[in-house]
């Protein structure tokens, strides 16, 4: 019995589709096992998500504070430099 090209393609497609399902199920089971080993139950998904949201907010606020601190330091240095130059000019013209 000889198969047509279309039948061969159909069989190949079905096998690949089944392997994809098996692969997806295996990945989900592996991820669930890893999370469970860290003490995260499947029922705690909402709380874990909320924890990650909180961590992201915390990280962004820390990054923003670092940015403001950097800007403040640059401003203080620039102001000090301009003040020193001004004092130098004032002293040079005053003599």
N, C-alpha and C. Protein backbone atom coordinates (compact mmCIF):
# COMPACT_ATOMS: atom_id res chain seq x y z
N UNK A 1 0.84 -1.17 0.00
CA UNK A 1 0.00 0.00 0.00
C UNK A 1 0.89 1.24 0.00
N UNK A 2 0.64 2.07 -0.95
CA UNK A 2 1.45 3.26 -1.11
C UNK A 2 0.65 4.48 -0.67
N UNK A 3 1.32 5.39 0.07
CA UNK A 3 0.65 6.60 0.57
C UNK A 3 0.94 7.76 -0.37
N UNK A 4 -0.06 8.61 -0.50
CA UNK A 4 0.14 9.80 -1.31
C UNK A 4 0.91 10.84 -0.51
N UNK A 5 1.39 11.83 -1.21
CA UNK A 5 2.16 12.89 -0.55
C UNK A 5 1.30 13.62 0.48
N UNK A 6 0.04 13.83 0.16
CA UNK A 6 -0.88 14.52 1.07
C UNK A 6 -1.09 13.71 2.34
N UNK A 7 -1.19 12.37 2.21
CA UNK A 7 -1.37 11.52 3.39
C UNK A 7 -0.13 11.52 4.27
N UNK A 8 1.04 11.51 3.65
CA UNK A 8 2.29 11.56 4.40
C UNK A 8 2.38 12.87 5.17
N UNK A 9 2.05 13.97 4.50
CA UNK A 9 2.09 15.27 5.16
C UNK A 9 1.11 15.31 6.33
N UNK A 10 -0.06 14.70 6.13
CA UNK A 10 -1.07 14.68 7.18
C UNK A 10 -0.56 13.91 8.39
N UNK A 11 0.05 12.76 8.16
CA UNK A 11 0.58 11.95 9.26
C UNK A 11 1.70 12.71 9.99
N UNK A 12 2.58 13.32 9.23
CA UNK A 12 3.69 14.09 9.83
C UNK A 12 3.12 15.24 10.66
N UNK A 13 2.13 15.93 10.12
CA UNK A 13 1.52 17.04 10.85
C UNK A 13 0.89 16.56 12.15
N UNK A 14 0.18 15.45 12.12
CA UNK A 14 -0.46 14.91 13.32
C UNK A 14 0.58 14.53 14.37
N UNK A 15 1.68 13.91 13.94
CA UNK A 15 2.73 13.49 14.88
C UNK A 15 3.37 14.72 15.52
N UNK A 16 3.69 15.72 14.71
CA UNK A 16 4.31 16.93 15.24
C UNK A 16 3.37 17.66 16.19
N UNK A 17 2.08 17.69 15.85
CA UNK A 17 1.10 18.34 16.71
C UNK A 17 1.02 17.63 18.06
N UNK A 18 1.02 16.31 18.05
CA UNK A 18 0.97 15.53 19.29
C UNK A 18 2.22 15.75 20.12
N UNK A 19 3.38 15.80 19.46
CA UNK A 19 4.63 16.04 20.18
C UNK A 19 4.63 17.43 20.81
N UNK A 20 4.06 18.39 20.11
CA UNK A 20 3.97 19.75 20.65
C UNK A 20 3.13 19.79 21.91
N UNK A 21 2.00 19.08 21.91
CA UNK A 21 1.16 19.01 23.10
C UNK A 21 1.91 18.36 24.24
N UNK A 22 2.60 17.27 23.95
CA UNK A 22 3.36 16.56 24.98
C UNK A 22 4.45 17.47 25.53
N UNK A 23 5.12 18.19 24.65
CA UNK A 23 6.19 19.11 25.07
C UNK A 23 5.63 20.21 25.97
N UNK A 24 4.49 20.80 25.57
CA UNK A 24 3.88 21.86 26.37
C UNK A 24 3.48 21.35 27.75
N UNK A 25 2.90 20.16 27.80
CA UNK A 25 2.51 19.58 29.08
C UNK A 25 3.73 19.32 29.96
N UNK A 26 4.81 18.84 29.35
CA UNK A 26 6.04 18.58 30.09
C UNK A 26 6.63 19.87 30.64
N UNK A 27 6.61 20.92 29.85
CA UNK A 27 7.13 22.22 30.30
C UNK A 27 6.30 22.73 31.47
N UNK A 28 4.97 22.66 31.36
CA UNK A 28 4.11 23.13 32.45
C UNK A 28 4.34 22.33 33.73
N UNK A 29 4.48 21.01 33.61
CA UNK A 29 4.73 20.18 34.78
C UNK A 29 6.08 20.51 35.41
N UNK A 30 7.08 20.77 34.58
CA UNK A 30 8.41 21.11 35.08
C UNK A 30 8.39 22.44 35.83
N UNK A 31 7.73 23.42 35.24
CA UNK A 31 7.64 24.73 35.89
C UNK A 31 6.89 24.62 37.22
N UNK A 32 5.80 23.86 37.23
CA UNK A 32 5.04 23.67 38.46
C UNK A 32 5.90 22.99 39.52
N UNK A 33 6.70 22.00 39.12
CA UNK A 33 7.58 21.31 40.08
C UNK A 33 8.63 22.25 40.64
N UNK A 34 9.20 23.10 39.78
CA UNK A 34 10.22 24.05 40.25
C UNK A 34 9.60 25.04 41.23
N UNK A 35 8.44 25.60 40.89
CA UNK A 35 7.80 26.55 41.78
C UNK A 35 7.42 25.90 43.11
N UNK A 36 6.95 24.66 43.04
CA UNK A 36 6.60 23.94 44.26
C UNK A 36 7.84 23.71 45.12
N UNK A 37 8.98 23.44 44.48
CA UNK A 37 10.22 23.23 45.25
C UNK A 37 10.66 24.51 45.94
N UNK A 38 10.25 25.68 45.42
CA UNK A 38 10.55 26.95 46.07
C UNK A 38 9.49 27.31 47.11
N UNK A 39 8.50 26.45 47.27
CA UNK A 39 7.45 26.70 48.26
C UNK A 39 6.30 27.52 47.72
N UNK A 40 6.18 27.61 46.42
CA UNK A 40 5.10 28.38 45.80
C UNK A 40 4.07 27.39 45.27
N UNK A 41 2.91 27.39 45.90
CA UNK A 41 1.85 26.49 45.46
C UNK A 41 1.10 27.09 44.29
N UNK A 42 0.45 26.21 43.54
CA UNK A 42 -0.29 26.67 42.37
C UNK A 42 -1.43 27.60 42.76
N UNK A 43 -1.98 27.41 43.97
CA UNK A 43 -3.08 28.25 44.44
C UNK A 43 -2.61 29.65 44.81
N UNK A 44 -1.31 29.83 45.02
CA UNK A 44 -0.76 31.12 45.44
C UNK A 44 -0.38 32.02 44.27
N UNK A 45 -0.83 31.71 43.09
CA UNK A 45 -0.42 32.48 41.91
C UNK A 45 -0.72 33.97 42.04
N UNK A 46 -1.92 34.30 42.54
CA UNK A 46 -2.30 35.71 42.65
C UNK A 46 -1.38 36.44 43.63
N UNK A 47 -1.05 35.78 44.74
CA UNK A 47 -0.17 36.41 45.71
C UNK A 47 1.24 36.55 45.17
N UNK A 48 1.71 35.55 44.47
CA UNK A 48 3.05 35.63 43.88
C UNK A 48 3.09 36.75 42.85
N UNK A 49 2.06 36.85 42.06
CA UNK A 49 1.98 37.93 41.06
C UNK A 49 2.00 39.29 41.75
N UNK A 50 1.22 39.42 42.83
CA UNK A 50 1.19 40.68 43.57
C UNK A 50 2.57 41.00 44.15
N UNK A 51 3.28 39.96 44.61
CA UNK A 51 4.63 40.16 45.13
C UNK A 51 5.57 40.68 44.03
N UNK A 52 5.47 40.11 42.85
CA UNK A 52 6.32 40.57 41.74
C UNK A 52 5.96 41.99 41.32
N UNK A 53 4.67 42.33 41.34
CA UNK A 53 4.26 43.69 41.02
C UNK A 53 4.84 44.66 42.05
N UNK A 54 4.77 44.27 43.33
CA UNK A 54 5.33 45.12 44.38
C UNK A 54 6.84 45.28 44.21
N UNK A 55 7.53 44.19 43.90
CA UNK A 55 8.98 44.27 43.69
C UNK A 55 9.32 45.17 42.52
N UNK A 56 8.54 45.10 41.46
CA UNK A 56 8.80 45.97 40.30
C UNK A 56 8.61 47.43 40.68
N UNK A 57 7.54 47.75 41.43
CA UNK A 57 7.32 49.13 41.88
C UNK A 57 8.48 49.59 42.75
N UNK A 58 8.91 48.72 43.66
CA UNK A 58 10.03 49.05 44.55
C UNK A 58 11.29 49.34 43.73
N UNK A 59 11.58 48.47 42.77
CA UNK A 59 12.77 48.65 41.94
C UNK A 59 12.71 49.97 41.17
N UNK A 60 11.56 50.27 40.60
CA UNK A 60 11.43 51.50 39.83
C UNK A 60 11.58 52.73 40.72
N UNK A 61 11.03 52.66 41.94
CA UNK A 61 11.17 53.81 42.84
C UNK A 61 12.62 53.99 43.27
N UNK A 62 13.34 52.90 43.48
CA UNK A 62 14.76 52.99 43.84
C UNK A 62 15.55 53.57 42.67
N UNK A 63 15.26 53.13 41.45
CA UNK A 63 15.94 53.67 40.27
C UNK A 63 15.66 55.16 40.13
N UNK A 64 14.42 55.57 40.40
CA UNK A 64 14.07 56.98 40.29
C UNK A 64 14.80 57.78 41.36
N UNK A 65 14.89 57.25 42.58
CA UNK A 65 15.61 57.93 43.65
C UNK A 65 17.09 58.06 43.30
N UNK A 66 17.66 57.02 42.71
CA UNK A 66 19.06 57.09 42.29
C UNK A 66 19.25 58.17 41.23
N UNK A 67 18.31 58.27 40.32
CA UNK A 67 18.39 59.28 39.27
C UNK A 67 18.34 60.68 39.87
N UNK A 68 17.40 60.90 40.81
CA UNK A 68 17.30 62.21 41.45
C UNK A 68 18.55 62.52 42.26
N UNK A 69 19.10 61.52 42.94
CA UNK A 69 20.32 61.73 43.72
C UNK A 69 21.47 62.11 42.81
N UNK A 70 21.61 61.42 41.69
CA UNK A 70 22.68 61.72 40.73
C UNK A 70 22.54 63.15 40.21
N UNK A 71 21.32 63.54 39.88
CA UNK A 71 21.09 64.90 39.38
C UNK A 71 21.41 65.93 40.46
N UNK A 72 21.05 65.64 41.71
CA UNK A 72 21.33 66.57 42.80
C UNK A 72 22.83 66.72 43.01
N UNK A 73 23.57 65.61 42.95
CA UNK A 73 25.02 65.66 43.12
C UNK A 73 25.66 66.48 42.01
N UNK A 74 25.25 66.25 40.79
CA UNK A 74 25.78 67.00 39.64
C UNK A 74 25.48 68.49 39.81
N UNK A 75 24.27 68.81 40.26
CA UNK A 75 23.88 70.21 40.46
C UNK A 75 24.75 70.86 41.53
N UNK A 76 24.99 70.16 42.64
CA UNK A 76 25.83 70.71 43.72
C UNK A 76 27.25 70.93 43.22
N UNK A 77 27.80 69.98 42.50
CA UNK A 77 29.16 70.11 41.98
C UNK A 77 29.24 71.29 41.00
N UNK A 78 28.27 71.36 40.08
CA UNK A 78 28.27 72.45 39.09
C UNK A 78 28.12 73.80 39.79
N UNK A 79 27.24 73.89 40.78
CA UNK A 79 27.04 75.14 41.51
C UNK A 79 28.33 75.54 42.24
N UNK A 80 28.99 74.57 42.87
CA UNK A 80 30.25 74.84 43.56
C UNK A 80 31.32 75.33 42.59
N UNK A 81 31.39 74.70 41.43
CA UNK A 81 32.38 75.09 40.42
C UNK A 81 32.11 76.51 39.92
N UNK A 82 30.85 76.80 39.60
CA UNK A 82 30.48 78.14 39.12
C UNK A 82 30.75 79.18 40.22
N UNK A 83 30.44 78.84 41.47
CA UNK A 83 30.70 79.75 42.59
C UNK A 83 32.19 80.02 42.74
N UNK A 84 33.02 78.96 42.60
CA UNK A 84 34.47 79.14 42.70
C UNK A 84 34.99 80.01 41.57
N UNK A 85 34.49 79.79 40.36
CA UNK A 85 34.90 80.62 39.23
C UNK A 85 34.48 82.07 39.47
N UNK A 86 33.27 82.27 39.95
CA UNK A 86 32.78 83.62 40.21
C UNK A 86 33.64 84.31 41.28
N UNK A 87 33.97 83.58 42.34
CA UNK A 87 34.83 84.15 43.40
C UNK A 87 36.20 84.51 42.83
N UNK A 88 36.73 83.65 41.96
CA UNK A 88 38.02 83.91 41.34
C UNK A 88 37.98 85.16 40.48
N UNK A 89 36.93 85.30 39.69
CA UNK A 89 36.79 86.48 38.83
C UNK A 89 36.63 87.75 39.68
N UNK A 90 35.80 87.63 40.71
CA UNK A 90 35.54 88.77 41.60
C UNK A 90 36.83 89.21 42.31
N UNK A 91 37.63 88.20 42.74
CA UNK A 91 38.89 88.51 43.42
C UNK A 91 39.88 89.12 42.43
N UNK A 92 39.94 88.57 41.22
CA UNK A 92 40.88 89.09 40.22
C UNK A 92 40.52 90.52 39.81
N UNK A 93 39.26 90.83 39.69
CA UNK A 93 38.85 92.18 39.30
C UNK A 93 38.93 93.16 40.46
N UNK A 94 38.85 92.62 41.66
CA UNK A 94 38.88 93.47 42.85
C UNK A 94 40.26 94.00 43.16
N UNK A 95 41.31 93.37 42.68
CA UNK A 95 42.68 93.80 43.01
C UNK A 95 43.16 94.89 42.14
